[in-house]
Amino acid sequence: MRTAYEKYMSKEEKKMEKRFNGFHSFWENMNSDTSKANLIFPVGKVGRNLLSLNIAKKYKKGSPIFMTAVLQYLTCELLELS
């Protein structure tokens, strides 16, 4: 879509606008493991902590998803009891 001020923009400004629009379209189409598993807690952080805290040297793709689901379940149960 062309804008009215596009003909007055420099090459650098056009490049930045194109990059900005591309960035947003990338994030709109991205599906994370957290959204696929319908969880609230972040799966990526749990996976990174598994490696960084030396809990596991290797793990399968489903391991951080399962661990995140367990953490979320336990947190919900604690909040219900309080």
N, C-alpha and C. Protein backbone atom coordinates (compact mmCIF):
# COMPACT_ATOMS: atom_id res chain seq x y z
N MET A 1 0.84 -1.17 0.00
CA MET A 1 0.00 0.00 0.00
C MET A 1 0.89 1.24 0.00
N ARG A 2 0.63 2.13 -0.89
CA ARG A 2 1.43 3.35 -0.99
C ARG A 2 0.80 4.44 -0.14
N THR A 3 1.65 5.21 0.47
CA THR A 3 1.19 6.33 1.27
C THR A 3 1.44 7.62 0.52
N ALA A 4 0.80 8.70 0.96
CA ALA A 4 0.91 9.98 0.27
C ALA A 4 2.31 10.57 0.39
N TYR A 5 2.98 10.31 1.49
CA TYR A 5 4.30 10.90 1.70
C TYR A 5 5.43 10.01 1.19
N GLU A 6 5.12 8.89 0.56
CA GLU A 6 6.16 7.95 0.14
C GLU A 6 7.10 8.55 -0.89
N LYS A 7 6.59 9.42 -1.77
CA LYS A 7 7.46 9.98 -2.79
C LYS A 7 8.46 10.98 -2.21
N TYR A 8 8.22 11.46 -0.98
CA TYR A 8 9.14 12.39 -0.33
C TYR A 8 10.13 11.70 0.59
N MET A 9 10.00 10.39 0.75
CA MET A 9 10.88 9.65 1.65
C MET A 9 12.22 9.36 0.99
N SER A 10 13.26 9.34 1.80
CA SER A 10 14.57 8.97 1.27
C SER A 10 14.66 7.46 1.15
N LYS A 11 15.73 6.97 0.54
CA LYS A 11 15.91 5.53 0.37
C LYS A 11 16.04 4.84 1.72
N GLU A 12 16.73 5.49 2.65
CA GLU A 12 16.92 4.90 3.98
C GLU A 12 15.59 4.78 4.73
N GLU A 13 14.75 5.81 4.60
CA GLU A 13 13.45 5.76 5.27
C GLU A 13 12.56 4.67 4.68
N LYS A 14 12.61 4.50 3.36
CA LYS A 14 11.84 3.44 2.72
C LYS A 14 12.32 2.07 3.18
N LYS A 15 13.65 1.94 3.31
CA LYS A 15 14.23 0.68 3.76
C LYS A 15 13.79 0.36 5.19
N MET A 16 13.80 1.38 6.05
CA MET A 16 13.40 1.17 7.44
C MET A 16 11.91 0.81 7.54
N GLU A 17 11.08 1.46 6.73
CA GLU A 17 9.65 1.15 6.76
C GLU A 17 9.40 -0.27 6.29
N LYS A 18 10.12 -0.70 5.27
CA LYS A 18 9.97 -2.06 4.76
C LYS A 18 10.40 -3.07 5.83
N ARG A 19 11.50 -2.78 6.51
CA ARG A 19 11.99 -3.67 7.56
C ARG A 19 10.98 -3.75 8.71
N PHE A 20 10.42 -2.60 9.08
CA PHE A 20 9.46 -2.54 10.18
C PHE A 20 8.22 -3.37 9.85
N ASN A 21 7.69 -3.22 8.63
CA ASN A 21 6.51 -3.97 8.24
C ASN A 21 6.81 -5.47 8.16
N GLY A 22 8.00 -5.83 7.70
CA GLY A 22 8.38 -7.23 7.65
C GLY A 22 8.50 -7.85 9.02
N PHE A 23 8.99 -7.06 9.99
CA PHE A 23 9.13 -7.54 11.36
C PHE A 23 7.77 -7.88 11.95
N HIS A 24 6.78 -7.02 11.73
CA HIS A 24 5.46 -7.26 12.29
C HIS A 24 4.78 -8.46 11.62
N SER A 25 4.95 -8.60 10.33
CA SER A 25 4.32 -9.75 9.68
C SER A 25 4.96 -11.05 10.16
N PHE A 26 6.26 -11.01 10.49
CA PHE A 26 6.93 -12.20 11.02
C PHE A 26 6.31 -12.60 12.35
N TRP A 27 6.12 -11.65 13.26
CA TRP A 27 5.60 -11.97 14.58
C TRP A 27 4.12 -12.35 14.55
N GLU A 28 3.36 -11.81 13.58
CA GLU A 28 1.96 -12.17 13.49
C GLU A 28 1.78 -13.63 13.08
N ASN A 29 2.68 -14.14 12.24
CA ASN A 29 2.56 -15.50 11.74
C ASN A 29 3.24 -16.53 12.62
N MET A 30 3.94 -16.09 13.65
CA MET A 30 4.71 -17.01 14.47
C MET A 30 3.81 -17.66 15.53
N ASN A 31 3.94 -18.96 15.70
CA ASN A 31 3.22 -19.69 16.73
C ASN A 31 4.25 -20.29 17.68
N SER A 32 4.20 -19.88 18.93
CA SER A 32 5.16 -20.40 19.90
C SER A 32 4.64 -21.70 20.51
N ASP A 33 5.53 -22.40 21.18
CA ASP A 33 5.14 -23.64 21.86
C ASP A 33 4.13 -23.34 22.97
N THR A 34 4.27 -22.17 23.61
CA THR A 34 3.35 -21.80 24.68
C THR A 34 1.94 -21.65 24.14
N SER A 35 1.79 -20.98 23.00
CA SER A 35 0.44 -20.79 22.45
C SER A 35 -0.10 -22.09 21.88
N LYS A 36 0.76 -22.93 21.31
CA LYS A 36 0.29 -24.20 20.77
C LYS A 36 -0.21 -25.12 21.88
N ALA A 37 0.45 -25.10 23.03
CA ALA A 37 0.06 -25.96 24.15
C ALA A 37 -1.01 -25.31 25.02
N ASN A 38 -1.41 -24.08 24.67
CA ASN A 38 -2.44 -23.34 25.41
C ASN A 38 -2.04 -23.17 26.88
N LEU A 39 -0.82 -22.72 27.10
CA LEU A 39 -0.30 -22.51 28.45
C LEU A 39 -0.12 -21.02 28.71
N ILE A 40 0.01 -20.68 29.97
CA ILE A 40 0.27 -19.29 30.36
C ILE A 40 1.75 -19.08 30.65
N PHE A 41 2.37 -20.05 31.29
CA PHE A 41 3.79 -19.95 31.62
C PHE A 41 4.63 -20.12 30.35
N PRO A 42 5.78 -19.44 30.26
CA PRO A 42 6.60 -19.51 29.04
C PRO A 42 7.40 -20.80 28.93
N VAL A 43 7.19 -21.50 27.83
CA VAL A 43 7.88 -22.78 27.60
C VAL A 43 9.36 -22.54 27.30
N GLY A 44 9.67 -21.48 26.56
CA GLY A 44 11.06 -21.20 26.19
C GLY A 44 11.95 -20.96 27.39
N LYS A 45 11.44 -20.23 28.37
CA LYS A 45 12.25 -19.95 29.57
C LYS A 45 12.51 -21.22 30.37
N VAL A 46 11.51 -22.07 30.46
CA VAL A 46 11.69 -23.34 31.18
C VAL A 46 12.73 -24.19 30.47
N GLY A 47 12.67 -24.23 29.15
CA GLY A 47 13.66 -25.00 28.38
C GLY A 47 15.07 -24.47 28.55
N ARG A 48 15.20 -23.13 28.54
CA ARG A 48 16.53 -22.54 28.74
C ARG A 48 17.05 -22.82 30.14
N ASN A 49 16.16 -22.77 31.14
CA ASN A 49 16.59 -23.04 32.51
C ASN A 49 16.97 -24.49 32.73
N LEU A 50 16.35 -25.40 31.98
CA LEU A 50 16.75 -26.80 32.07
C LEU A 50 18.23 -26.95 31.71
N LEU A 51 18.66 -26.23 30.68
CA LEU A 51 20.06 -26.32 30.26
C LEU A 51 20.98 -25.49 31.15
N SER A 52 20.58 -24.26 31.46
CA SER A 52 21.49 -23.36 32.18
C SER A 52 21.70 -23.77 33.64
N LEU A 53 20.71 -24.39 34.26
CA LEU A 53 20.84 -24.82 35.65
C LEU A 53 21.41 -26.23 35.77
N ASN A 54 21.87 -26.79 34.65
CA ASN A 54 22.44 -28.13 34.60
C ASN A 54 21.48 -29.20 35.13
N ILE A 55 20.20 -29.00 34.89
CA ILE A 55 19.22 -30.02 35.26
C ILE A 55 19.26 -31.14 34.22
N ALA A 56 19.43 -30.77 32.96
CA ALA A 56 19.50 -31.76 31.89
C ALA A 56 20.51 -31.30 30.85
N LYS A 57 21.32 -32.24 30.38
CA LYS A 57 22.26 -31.90 29.31
C LYS A 57 21.57 -31.93 27.96
N LYS A 58 20.67 -32.89 27.78
CA LYS A 58 19.87 -33.01 26.57
C LYS A 58 18.44 -33.30 26.99
N TYR A 59 17.52 -32.88 26.16
CA TYR A 59 16.13 -33.25 26.40
C TYR A 59 15.36 -33.23 25.09
N LYS A 60 14.23 -33.92 25.08
CA LYS A 60 13.39 -33.97 23.90
C LYS A 60 12.56 -32.69 23.82
N LYS A 61 11.94 -32.47 22.66
CA LYS A 61 11.19 -31.24 22.45
C LYS A 61 10.00 -31.10 23.39
N GLY A 62 9.38 -32.19 23.75
CA GLY A 62 8.20 -32.14 24.61
C GLY A 62 8.48 -31.96 26.08
N SER A 63 9.73 -32.13 26.50
CA SER A 63 10.06 -32.06 27.93
C SER A 63 9.77 -30.70 28.56
N PRO A 64 10.23 -29.59 27.97
CA PRO A 64 9.90 -28.29 28.60
C PRO A 64 8.41 -27.97 28.55
N ILE A 65 7.71 -28.48 27.54
CA ILE A 65 6.27 -28.24 27.46
C ILE A 65 5.57 -28.97 28.61
N PHE A 66 5.95 -30.23 28.84
CA PHE A 66 5.36 -30.99 29.93
C PHE A 66 5.70 -30.38 31.28
N MET A 67 6.95 -29.98 31.46
CA MET A 67 7.36 -29.39 32.73
C MET A 67 6.65 -28.07 33.00
N THR A 68 6.44 -27.28 31.94
CA THR A 68 5.71 -26.02 32.09
C THR A 68 4.27 -26.28 32.46
N ALA A 69 3.66 -27.30 31.87
CA ALA A 69 2.27 -27.64 32.20
C ALA A 69 2.16 -28.09 33.65
N VAL A 70 3.13 -28.84 34.13
CA VAL A 70 3.11 -29.29 35.53
C VAL A 70 3.27 -28.11 36.47
N LEU A 71 4.20 -27.21 36.15
CA LEU A 71 4.40 -26.02 36.99
C LEU A 71 3.14 -25.15 37.03
N GLN A 72 2.51 -25.00 35.88
CA GLN A 72 1.30 -24.20 35.82
C GLN A 72 0.18 -24.86 36.62
N TYR A 73 0.04 -26.17 36.52
CA TYR A 73 -0.98 -26.90 37.26
C TYR A 73 -0.77 -26.77 38.77
N LEU A 74 0.49 -26.95 39.20
CA LEU A 74 0.77 -26.84 40.64
C LEU A 74 0.52 -25.44 41.16
N THR A 75 0.85 -24.44 40.36
CA THR A 75 0.61 -23.06 40.78
C THR A 75 -0.89 -22.79 40.90
N CYS A 76 -1.66 -23.29 39.94
CA CYS A 76 -3.12 -23.10 39.99
C CYS A 76 -3.72 -23.78 41.22
N GLU A 77 -3.23 -24.97 41.53
CA GLU A 77 -3.74 -25.69 42.71
C GLU A 77 -3.39 -24.95 44.00
N LEU A 78 -2.18 -24.41 44.07
CA LEU A 78 -1.81 -23.64 45.26
C LEU A 78 -2.66 -22.39 45.41
N LEU A 79 -2.93 -21.73 44.30
CA LEU A 79 -3.75 -20.52 44.37
C LEU A 79 -5.21 -20.84 44.73
N GLU A 80 -5.70 -22.01 44.32
CA GLU A 80 -7.06 -22.40 44.69
C GLU A 80 -7.17 -22.68 46.19
N LEU A 81 -6.12 -23.29 46.74
CA LEU A 81 -6.15 -23.64 48.17
C LEU A 81 -6.00 -22.42 49.08
N SER A 82 -5.37 -21.38 48.57
CA SER A 82 -5.16 -20.21 49.43
C SER A 82 -6.36 -19.29 49.45
